[in-house]
């Protein structure tokens, strides 16, 4: 009795480790390729666009690629497969006794599709606003870091003549 659960735990842990490794490899490979392509862009393109947009895309959008690929390919397949299996089991169990249960279950899929489809545009717009705000935040952080470096360099310039005088006077 305990062997099955321990084996399931080991297989689950192995599955998790493989999943993490594949996700990290895919995200890092995509991030590297994206950064290499951004580095090869002409200076005019880089000068016209804020660098925060590019940094945000490389750092935050690259890890989402594997989730997008899964949601576009495997999730619809498994959804339709599980729907078919569930409808088959319902018709096998209740088909002769209560066929209306099978028809109700069959009608729930198009009803769910029709009620959630109009909300996809809203979700897309909210996601785009979230990405734009993340990009703007990255731009603001980058600009504040540049301002800090500019102030620090001005402070070094102001203190350097005093340091030069001290060194030349002591020599």
N, C-alpha and C. Protein backbone atom coordinates (compact mmCIF):
# COMPACT_ATOMS: atom_id res chain seq x y z
N UNK A 1 0.82 -1.19 0.00
CA UNK A 1 0.00 0.00 0.00
C UNK A 1 0.87 1.26 0.00
N UNK A 2 1.91 1.27 0.82
CA UNK A 2 2.78 2.44 0.89
C UNK A 2 3.68 2.57 -0.32
N UNK A 3 4.01 1.46 -0.99
CA UNK A 3 4.91 1.49 -2.13
C UNK A 3 4.36 2.30 -3.29
N UNK A 4 3.04 2.18 -3.52
CA UNK A 4 2.43 2.93 -4.62
C UNK A 4 2.50 4.42 -4.39
N UNK A 5 2.24 4.84 -3.16
CA UNK A 5 2.26 6.27 -2.88
C UNK A 5 3.68 6.81 -2.91
N UNK A 6 4.65 6.00 -2.42
CA UNK A 6 6.04 6.45 -2.47
C UNK A 6 6.53 6.53 -3.91
N UNK A 7 6.15 5.55 -4.72
CA UNK A 7 6.55 5.58 -6.13
C UNK A 7 5.90 6.77 -6.83
N UNK A 8 4.63 7.03 -6.51
CA UNK A 8 3.95 8.18 -7.09
C UNK A 8 4.61 9.48 -6.67
N UNK A 9 5.06 9.55 -5.42
CA UNK A 9 5.76 10.74 -4.95
C UNK A 9 7.09 10.93 -5.66
N UNK A 10 7.81 9.82 -5.88
CA UNK A 10 9.09 9.90 -6.59
C UNK A 10 8.88 10.29 -8.05
N UNK A 11 7.88 9.70 -8.68
CA UNK A 11 7.60 10.06 -10.07
C UNK A 11 7.13 11.51 -10.18
N UNK A 12 6.35 11.96 -9.21
CA UNK A 12 5.91 13.35 -9.21
C UNK A 12 7.07 14.31 -9.04
N UNK A 13 7.99 13.95 -8.13
CA UNK A 13 9.17 14.79 -7.91
C UNK A 13 10.06 14.81 -9.17
N UNK A 14 10.22 13.65 -9.79
CA UNK A 14 11.01 13.58 -11.02
C UNK A 14 10.36 14.38 -12.14
N UNK A 15 9.04 14.28 -12.24
CA UNK A 15 8.29 15.06 -13.24
C UNK A 15 8.47 16.55 -13.00
N UNK A 16 8.40 16.97 -11.74
CA UNK A 16 8.57 18.39 -11.42
C UNK A 16 9.97 18.87 -11.78
N UNK A 17 10.99 18.06 -11.45
CA UNK A 17 12.36 18.45 -11.77
C UNK A 17 12.58 18.56 -13.28
N UNK A 18 12.05 17.61 -14.03
CA UNK A 18 12.19 17.66 -15.49
C UNK A 18 11.44 18.87 -16.05
N UNK A 19 10.26 19.14 -15.53
CA UNK A 19 9.45 20.27 -15.99
C UNK A 19 10.18 21.59 -15.71
N UNK A 20 10.74 21.73 -14.54
CA UNK A 20 11.47 22.96 -14.20
C UNK A 20 12.69 23.12 -15.10
N UNK A 21 13.42 22.03 -15.31
CA UNK A 21 14.62 22.09 -16.15
C UNK A 21 14.28 22.48 -17.58
N UNK A 22 13.23 21.87 -18.14
CA UNK A 22 12.84 22.21 -19.50
C UNK A 22 12.36 23.65 -19.62
N UNK A 23 11.56 24.10 -18.64
CA UNK A 23 11.08 25.48 -18.67
C UNK A 23 12.22 26.47 -18.59
N UNK A 24 13.18 26.22 -17.70
CA UNK A 24 14.31 27.13 -17.57
C UNK A 24 15.17 27.13 -18.83
N UNK A 25 15.39 25.96 -19.41
CA UNK A 25 16.20 25.89 -20.62
C UNK A 25 15.52 26.63 -21.77
N UNK A 26 14.21 26.43 -21.92
CA UNK A 26 13.47 27.12 -22.99
C UNK A 26 13.48 28.63 -22.77
N UNK A 27 13.20 29.06 -21.54
CA UNK A 27 13.16 30.50 -21.27
C UNK A 27 14.53 31.14 -21.44
N UNK A 28 15.57 30.49 -20.95
CA UNK A 28 16.92 31.06 -21.08
C UNK A 28 17.37 31.09 -22.53
N UNK A 29 17.06 30.05 -23.28
CA UNK A 29 17.42 30.04 -24.70
C UNK A 29 16.70 31.13 -25.47
N UNK A 30 15.42 31.28 -25.19
CA UNK A 30 14.65 32.33 -25.87
C UNK A 30 15.14 33.71 -25.45
N UNK A 31 15.42 33.88 -24.17
CA UNK A 31 15.91 35.17 -23.67
C UNK A 31 17.25 35.51 -24.31
N UNK A 32 18.13 34.54 -24.43
CA UNK A 32 19.45 34.77 -25.05
C UNK A 32 19.30 35.16 -26.51
N UNK A 33 18.48 34.43 -27.25
CA UNK A 33 18.28 34.75 -28.67
C UNK A 33 17.66 36.13 -28.83
N UNK A 34 16.69 36.46 -27.98
CA UNK A 34 16.03 37.76 -28.07
C UNK A 34 17.02 38.88 -27.76
N UNK A 35 17.84 38.70 -26.73
CA UNK A 35 18.82 39.72 -26.38
C UNK A 35 19.85 39.88 -27.49
N UNK A 36 20.29 38.77 -28.10
CA UNK A 36 21.25 38.87 -29.20
C UNK A 36 20.66 39.65 -30.37
N UNK A 37 19.39 39.42 -30.65
CA UNK A 37 18.76 40.16 -31.75
C UNK A 37 18.58 41.63 -31.40
N UNK A 38 18.26 41.92 -30.15
CA UNK A 38 18.15 43.32 -29.73
C UNK A 38 19.50 44.02 -29.80
N UNK A 39 20.55 43.30 -29.47
CA UNK A 39 21.89 43.89 -29.51
C UNK A 39 22.33 44.19 -30.94
N UNK A 40 21.78 43.48 -31.92
CA UNK A 40 22.15 43.70 -33.32
C UNK A 40 21.30 44.77 -34.00
N UNK A 41 20.33 45.34 -33.29
CA UNK A 41 19.51 46.39 -33.90
C UNK A 41 20.34 47.64 -34.16
N UNK A 42 19.98 48.41 -35.18
CA UNK A 42 20.71 49.66 -35.44
C UNK A 42 20.52 50.66 -34.30
N UNK A 43 21.49 51.53 -34.12
CA UNK A 43 21.43 52.51 -33.04
C UNK A 43 20.22 53.42 -33.18
N UNK A 44 19.79 53.72 -34.38
CA UNK A 44 18.63 54.58 -34.57
C UNK A 44 17.38 53.95 -33.96
N UNK A 45 17.22 52.65 -34.15
CA UNK A 45 16.06 51.96 -33.57
C UNK A 45 16.15 51.97 -32.06
N UNK A 46 17.33 51.70 -31.52
CA UNK A 46 17.49 51.69 -30.07
C UNK A 46 17.32 53.08 -29.48
N UNK A 47 17.71 54.11 -30.25
CA UNK A 47 17.60 55.48 -29.76
C UNK A 47 16.15 55.96 -29.79
N UNK A 48 15.37 55.48 -30.78
CA UNK A 48 13.97 55.91 -30.91
C UNK A 48 13.07 55.29 -29.84
N UNK A 49 13.40 54.09 -29.39
CA UNK A 49 12.57 53.40 -28.42
C UNK A 49 13.24 53.41 -27.05
N UNK A 50 12.41 53.43 -26.03
CA UNK A 50 12.97 53.39 -24.69
C UNK A 50 13.59 52.03 -24.43
N UNK A 51 14.68 52.03 -23.73
CA UNK A 51 15.39 50.78 -23.46
C UNK A 51 14.60 49.91 -22.48
N UNK A 52 13.75 50.53 -21.66
CA UNK A 52 12.96 49.76 -20.69
C UNK A 52 12.02 48.79 -21.37
N UNK A 53 11.50 49.17 -22.55
CA UNK A 53 10.64 48.25 -23.29
C UNK A 53 11.40 46.98 -23.65
N UNK A 54 12.61 47.15 -24.15
CA UNK A 54 13.42 46.00 -24.55
C UNK A 54 13.81 45.16 -23.35
N UNK A 55 14.22 45.80 -22.27
CA UNK A 55 14.60 45.07 -21.07
C UNK A 55 13.41 44.31 -20.51
N UNK A 56 12.25 44.96 -20.49
CA UNK A 56 11.05 44.30 -19.97
C UNK A 56 10.70 43.09 -20.82
N UNK A 57 10.81 43.21 -22.13
CA UNK A 57 10.50 42.08 -23.01
C UNK A 57 11.45 40.92 -22.76
N UNK A 58 12.75 41.23 -22.62
CA UNK A 58 13.73 40.17 -22.43
C UNK A 58 13.55 39.50 -21.07
N UNK A 59 13.33 40.28 -20.03
CA UNK A 59 13.28 39.72 -18.69
C UNK A 59 11.93 39.09 -18.33
N UNK A 60 10.82 39.67 -18.77
CA UNK A 60 9.52 39.21 -18.30
C UNK A 60 8.70 38.46 -19.34
N UNK A 61 8.88 38.76 -20.59
CA UNK A 61 8.08 38.07 -21.61
C UNK A 61 8.69 36.74 -22.03
N UNK A 62 10.01 36.63 -21.97
CA UNK A 62 10.66 35.39 -22.39
C UNK A 62 10.22 34.18 -21.56
N UNK A 63 10.11 34.27 -20.23
CA UNK A 63 9.66 33.10 -19.47
C UNK A 63 8.22 32.70 -19.76
N UNK A 64 7.43 33.58 -20.32
CA UNK A 64 6.02 33.26 -20.60
C UNK A 64 5.84 32.48 -21.89
N UNK A 65 6.90 32.30 -22.66
CA UNK A 65 6.78 31.63 -23.96
C UNK A 65 6.29 30.19 -23.81
N UNK A 66 6.84 29.46 -22.83
CA UNK A 66 6.43 28.07 -22.68
C UNK A 66 4.97 27.95 -22.27
N UNK A 67 4.49 28.86 -21.43
CA UNK A 67 3.08 28.85 -21.03
C UNK A 67 2.19 29.16 -22.23
N UNK A 68 2.60 30.10 -23.05
CA UNK A 68 1.81 30.45 -24.23
C UNK A 68 1.76 29.27 -25.20
N UNK A 69 2.90 28.62 -25.41
CA UNK A 69 2.92 27.45 -26.30
C UNK A 69 2.02 26.35 -25.78
N UNK A 70 2.05 26.10 -24.48
CA UNK A 70 1.20 25.06 -23.91
C UNK A 70 -0.28 25.42 -24.05
N UNK A 71 -0.61 26.67 -23.75
CA UNK A 71 -2.02 27.08 -23.82
C UNK A 71 -2.56 27.10 -25.24
N UNK A 72 -1.70 27.30 -26.23
CA UNK A 72 -2.16 27.32 -27.61
C UNK A 72 -2.22 25.93 -28.25
N UNK A 73 -1.42 25.00 -27.76
CA UNK A 73 -1.37 23.69 -28.41
C UNK A 73 -1.97 22.58 -27.56
N UNK A 74 -1.42 22.35 -26.40
CA UNK A 74 -1.81 21.18 -25.61
C UNK A 74 -3.10 21.39 -24.83
N UNK A 75 -3.33 22.57 -24.28
CA UNK A 75 -4.52 22.79 -23.45
C UNK A 75 -5.82 22.57 -24.24
N UNK A 76 -5.97 23.10 -25.46
CA UNK A 76 -7.21 22.81 -26.21
C UNK A 76 -7.37 21.32 -26.53
N UNK A 77 -6.25 20.65 -26.84
CA UNK A 77 -6.33 19.22 -27.13
C UNK A 77 -6.83 18.43 -25.92
N UNK A 78 -6.24 18.69 -24.76
CA UNK A 78 -6.65 17.98 -23.56
C UNK A 78 -8.07 18.36 -23.12
N UNK A 79 -8.47 19.59 -23.38
CA UNK A 79 -9.84 20.01 -23.08
C UNK A 79 -10.84 19.21 -23.92
N UNK A 80 -10.59 19.12 -25.20
CA UNK A 80 -11.49 18.36 -26.06
C UNK A 80 -11.45 16.87 -25.76
N UNK A 81 -10.27 16.34 -25.44
CA UNK A 81 -10.15 14.94 -25.09
C UNK A 81 -10.93 14.62 -23.81
N UNK A 82 -10.76 15.43 -22.79
CA UNK A 82 -11.49 15.19 -21.54
C UNK A 82 -12.99 15.39 -21.73
N UNK A 83 -13.40 16.34 -22.56
CA UNK A 83 -14.82 16.53 -22.86
C UNK A 83 -15.40 15.28 -23.52
N UNK A 84 -14.66 14.73 -24.49
CA UNK A 84 -15.12 13.51 -25.15
C UNK A 84 -15.22 12.33 -24.20
N UNK A 85 -14.23 12.17 -23.34
CA UNK A 85 -14.25 11.07 -22.37
C UNK A 85 -15.41 11.24 -21.40
N UNK A 86 -15.62 12.44 -20.90
CA UNK A 86 -16.69 12.67 -19.94
C UNK A 86 -18.06 12.46 -20.58
N UNK A 87 -18.24 12.92 -21.81
CA UNK A 87 -19.52 12.70 -22.49
C UNK A 87 -19.75 11.21 -22.75
N UNK A 88 -18.69 10.51 -23.10
CA UNK A 88 -18.83 9.07 -23.31
C UNK A 88 -19.23 8.36 -22.01
N UNK A 89 -18.56 8.71 -20.91
CA UNK A 89 -18.90 8.08 -19.63
C UNK A 89 -20.32 8.43 -19.18
N UNK A 90 -20.73 9.67 -19.40
CA UNK A 90 -22.11 10.05 -19.06
C UNK A 90 -23.12 9.29 -19.90
N UNK A 91 -22.87 9.17 -21.19
CA UNK A 91 -23.82 8.45 -22.04
C UNK A 91 -23.81 6.96 -21.74
N UNK A 92 -22.66 6.42 -21.37
CA UNK A 92 -22.58 5.01 -21.01
C UNK A 92 -23.33 4.73 -19.71
N UNK A 93 -23.18 5.66 -18.73
CA UNK A 93 -23.81 5.46 -17.42
C UNK A 93 -25.28 5.85 -17.40
N UNK A 94 -25.64 6.97 -18.01
CA UNK A 94 -27.00 7.50 -17.89
C UNK A 94 -27.74 7.60 -19.22
N UNK A 95 -27.18 7.11 -20.29
CA UNK A 95 -27.77 7.27 -21.62
C UNK A 95 -29.16 6.69 -21.75
N UNK A 96 -29.38 5.54 -21.17
CA UNK A 96 -30.70 4.91 -21.29
C UNK A 96 -31.62 5.33 -20.17
N UNK A 97 -31.09 5.63 -19.00
CA UNK A 97 -31.93 5.97 -17.84
C UNK A 97 -32.38 7.43 -17.91
N UNK A 98 -31.44 8.34 -18.13
CA UNK A 98 -31.75 9.78 -18.15
C UNK A 98 -30.95 10.44 -19.27
N UNK A 99 -31.41 10.35 -20.52
CA UNK A 99 -30.64 10.94 -21.63
C UNK A 99 -30.56 12.46 -21.56
N UNK A 100 -31.45 13.10 -20.82
CA UNK A 100 -31.39 14.57 -20.72
C UNK A 100 -30.12 15.03 -20.02
N UNK A 101 -29.57 14.20 -19.13
CA UNK A 101 -28.31 14.56 -18.47
C UNK A 101 -27.18 14.65 -19.51
N UNK A 102 -27.17 13.74 -20.45
CA UNK A 102 -26.15 13.76 -21.50
C UNK A 102 -26.33 15.00 -22.37
N UNK A 103 -27.58 15.33 -22.71
CA UNK A 103 -27.83 16.52 -23.54
C UNK A 103 -27.50 17.81 -22.80
N UNK A 104 -27.79 17.84 -21.51
CA UNK A 104 -27.42 19.03 -20.71
C UNK A 104 -25.90 19.18 -20.68
N UNK A 105 -25.20 18.08 -20.44
CA UNK A 105 -23.73 18.13 -20.41
C UNK A 105 -23.17 18.54 -21.76
N UNK A 106 -23.78 18.04 -22.83
CA UNK A 106 -23.33 18.40 -24.18
C UNK A 106 -23.57 19.87 -24.48
N UNK A 107 -24.64 20.44 -23.96
CA UNK A 107 -24.94 21.85 -24.22
C UNK A 107 -24.13 22.79 -23.34
N UNK A 108 -23.54 22.30 -22.25
CA UNK A 108 -22.76 23.18 -21.38
C UNK A 108 -21.47 23.67 -22.03
N UNK A 109 -20.88 22.89 -22.91
CA UNK A 109 -19.64 23.32 -23.56
C UNK A 109 -19.86 24.54 -24.45
N UNK A 110 -20.85 24.55 -25.36
CA UNK A 110 -21.05 25.77 -26.15
C UNK A 110 -21.52 26.95 -25.31
N UNK A 111 -22.29 26.68 -24.26
CA UNK A 111 -22.75 27.78 -23.39
C UNK A 111 -21.54 28.41 -22.70
N UNK A 112 -20.64 27.58 -22.18
CA UNK A 112 -19.43 28.11 -21.53
C UNK A 112 -18.57 28.88 -22.52
N UNK A 113 -18.48 28.37 -23.74
CA UNK A 113 -17.69 29.04 -24.77
C UNK A 113 -18.29 30.40 -25.12
N UNK A 114 -19.61 30.46 -25.26
CA UNK A 114 -20.28 31.72 -25.62
C UNK A 114 -20.24 32.75 -24.50
N UNK A 115 -20.21 32.30 -23.24
CA UNK A 115 -20.17 33.27 -22.15
C UNK A 115 -18.76 33.76 -21.86
N UNK A 116 -17.75 32.96 -22.13
CA UNK A 116 -16.38 33.41 -21.84
C UNK A 116 -15.70 34.06 -23.04
N UNK A 117 -16.14 33.80 -24.24
CA UNK A 117 -15.50 34.38 -25.43
C UNK A 117 -15.50 35.90 -25.45
N UNK A 118 -16.62 36.57 -25.13
CA UNK A 118 -16.57 38.04 -25.15
C UNK A 118 -15.61 38.64 -24.12
N UNK A 119 -15.33 37.91 -23.05
CA UNK A 119 -14.43 38.44 -22.03
C UNK A 119 -12.95 38.33 -22.43
N UNK A 120 -12.67 37.60 -23.51
CA UNK A 120 -11.26 37.45 -23.91
C UNK A 120 -10.66 38.78 -24.35
N UNK A 121 -11.44 39.63 -24.99
CA UNK A 121 -10.94 40.94 -25.40
C UNK A 121 -10.61 41.81 -24.19
N UNK A 122 -11.45 41.75 -23.17
CA UNK A 122 -11.19 42.50 -21.95
C UNK A 122 -9.91 42.00 -21.28
N UNK A 123 -9.75 40.70 -21.21
CA UNK A 123 -8.54 40.14 -20.60
C UNK A 123 -7.29 40.52 -21.39
N UNK A 124 -7.39 40.54 -22.70
CA UNK A 124 -6.26 40.92 -23.55
C UNK A 124 -5.88 42.38 -23.30
N UNK A 125 -6.89 43.25 -23.20
CA UNK A 125 -6.60 44.67 -22.95
C UNK A 125 -5.98 44.87 -21.56
N UNK A 126 -6.49 44.16 -20.56
CA UNK A 126 -5.92 44.28 -19.21
C UNK A 126 -4.48 43.78 -19.18
N UNK A 127 -4.22 42.70 -19.89
CA UNK A 127 -2.86 42.16 -19.95
C UNK A 127 -1.92 43.14 -20.65
N UNK A 128 -2.40 43.77 -21.72
CA UNK A 128 -1.57 44.74 -22.43
C UNK A 128 -1.29 45.96 -21.56
N UNK A 129 -2.29 46.41 -20.79
CA UNK A 129 -2.06 47.54 -19.88
C UNK A 129 -1.06 47.18 -18.80
N UNK A 130 -1.13 45.94 -18.32
CA UNK A 130 -0.17 45.49 -17.31
C UNK A 130 1.24 45.47 -17.87
N UNK A 131 1.40 45.00 -19.09
CA UNK A 131 2.72 44.98 -19.72
C UNK A 131 3.23 46.41 -19.96
N UNK A 132 2.33 47.29 -20.38
CA UNK A 132 2.74 48.68 -20.61
C UNK A 132 3.17 49.34 -19.31
N UNK A 133 2.46 49.08 -18.22
CA UNK A 133 2.85 49.68 -16.94
C UNK A 133 4.16 49.08 -16.45
N UNK A 134 4.38 47.79 -16.68
CA UNK A 134 5.66 47.18 -16.32
C UNK A 134 6.80 47.79 -17.11
N UNK A 135 6.57 48.04 -18.39
CA UNK A 135 7.58 48.67 -19.23
C UNK A 135 7.85 50.10 -18.77
N UNK A 136 6.79 50.83 -18.43
CA UNK A 136 6.96 52.21 -17.94
C UNK A 136 7.72 52.23 -16.62
N UNK A 137 7.45 51.27 -15.76
CA UNK A 137 8.17 51.19 -14.49
C UNK A 137 9.65 50.90 -14.73
N UNK A 138 9.93 50.00 -15.66
CA UNK A 138 11.32 49.70 -16.00
C UNK A 138 12.01 50.94 -16.56
N UNK A 139 11.30 51.70 -17.41
CA UNK A 139 11.86 52.94 -17.94
C UNK A 139 12.14 53.94 -16.83
N UNK A 140 11.21 54.08 -15.88
CA UNK A 140 11.39 55.04 -14.78
C UNK A 140 12.57 54.64 -13.91
N UNK A 141 12.71 53.35 -13.64
CA UNK A 141 13.85 52.89 -12.83
C UNK A 141 15.15 53.15 -13.57
N UNK A 142 15.15 52.89 -14.87
CA UNK A 142 16.37 53.12 -15.65
C UNK A 142 16.73 54.60 -15.66
N UNK A 143 15.74 55.48 -15.83
CA UNK A 143 16.02 56.92 -15.85
C UNK A 143 16.51 57.40 -14.50
N UNK A 144 15.92 56.87 -13.41
CA UNK A 144 16.38 57.30 -12.09
C UNK A 144 17.79 56.80 -11.82
N UNK A 145 18.11 55.60 -12.31
CA UNK A 145 19.49 55.11 -12.15
C UNK A 145 20.46 55.98 -12.95
N UNK A 146 20.06 56.41 -14.13
CA UNK A 146 20.92 57.30 -14.93
C UNK A 146 21.10 58.63 -14.23
N UNK A 147 20.02 59.14 -13.62
CA UNK A 147 20.13 60.41 -12.90
C UNK A 147 21.03 60.28 -11.68
N UNK A 148 20.94 59.15 -10.98
CA UNK A 148 21.82 58.93 -9.83
C UNK A 148 23.27 58.89 -10.28
N UNK A 149 23.54 58.19 -11.37
CA UNK A 149 24.91 58.12 -11.89
C UNK A 149 25.39 59.50 -12.32
N UNK A 150 24.52 60.30 -12.92
CA UNK A 150 24.92 61.65 -13.35
C UNK A 150 25.26 62.51 -12.14
N UNK A 151 24.45 62.44 -11.08
CA UNK A 151 24.72 63.23 -9.88
C UNK A 151 26.01 62.76 -9.22
N UNK A 152 26.23 61.46 -9.16
CA UNK A 152 27.45 60.95 -8.57
C UNK A 152 28.67 61.36 -9.37
N UNK A 153 28.54 61.37 -10.70
CA UNK A 153 29.69 61.80 -11.51
C UNK A 153 29.96 63.28 -11.32
N UNK A 154 28.89 64.10 -11.16
CA UNK A 154 29.10 65.53 -10.88
C UNK A 154 29.77 65.73 -9.53
N UNK A 155 29.40 64.91 -8.55
CA UNK A 155 30.04 65.02 -7.24
C UNK A 155 31.51 64.65 -7.32
N UNK A 156 31.84 63.65 -8.13
CA UNK A 156 33.25 63.27 -8.28
C UNK A 156 34.03 64.39 -8.97
N UNK A 157 33.39 65.04 -9.96
CA UNK A 157 34.07 66.14 -10.66
C UNK A 157 34.31 67.29 -9.70
N UNK A 158 33.34 67.59 -8.82
CA UNK A 158 33.50 68.69 -7.87
C UNK A 158 34.59 68.40 -6.85
N UNK A 159 34.75 67.14 -6.45
CA UNK A 159 35.74 66.80 -5.43
C UNK A 159 37.12 66.51 -6.02
N UNK A 160 37.20 66.25 -7.29
CA UNK A 160 38.50 65.88 -7.86
C UNK A 160 39.52 67.02 -7.84
N UNK A 161 39.18 68.32 -8.06
CA UNK A 161 40.23 69.36 -7.96
C UNK A 161 40.80 69.46 -6.55
N UNK A 162 39.95 69.27 -5.54
CA UNK A 162 40.47 69.30 -4.16
C UNK A 162 41.43 68.15 -3.92
N UNK A 163 41.08 66.99 -4.40
CA UNK A 163 41.96 65.82 -4.22
C UNK A 163 43.28 66.03 -4.95
N UNK A 164 43.21 66.63 -6.14
CA UNK A 164 44.45 66.87 -6.93
C UNK A 164 45.33 67.88 -6.18
N UNK A 165 44.74 68.93 -5.60
CA UNK A 165 45.51 69.91 -4.86
C UNK A 165 46.17 69.28 -3.63
N UNK A 166 45.43 68.43 -2.91
CA UNK A 166 46.00 67.79 -1.72
C UNK A 166 47.19 66.91 -2.09
N UNK A 167 47.03 66.15 -3.16
CA UNK A 167 48.11 65.26 -3.56
C UNK A 167 49.30 66.06 -4.04
N UNK A 168 49.05 67.12 -4.80
CA UNK A 168 50.19 67.92 -5.31
C UNK A 168 50.86 68.72 -4.19
N UNK A 169 50.11 69.14 -3.17
CA UNK A 169 50.70 69.88 -2.07
C UNK A 169 51.53 68.97 -1.18
N UNK A 170 51.09 67.76 -1.01
CA UNK A 170 51.83 66.84 -0.11
C UNK A 170 53.05 66.25 -0.82
N UNK A 171 53.17 66.38 -2.11
CA UNK A 171 54.30 65.79 -2.81
C UNK A 171 55.50 66.69 -2.84
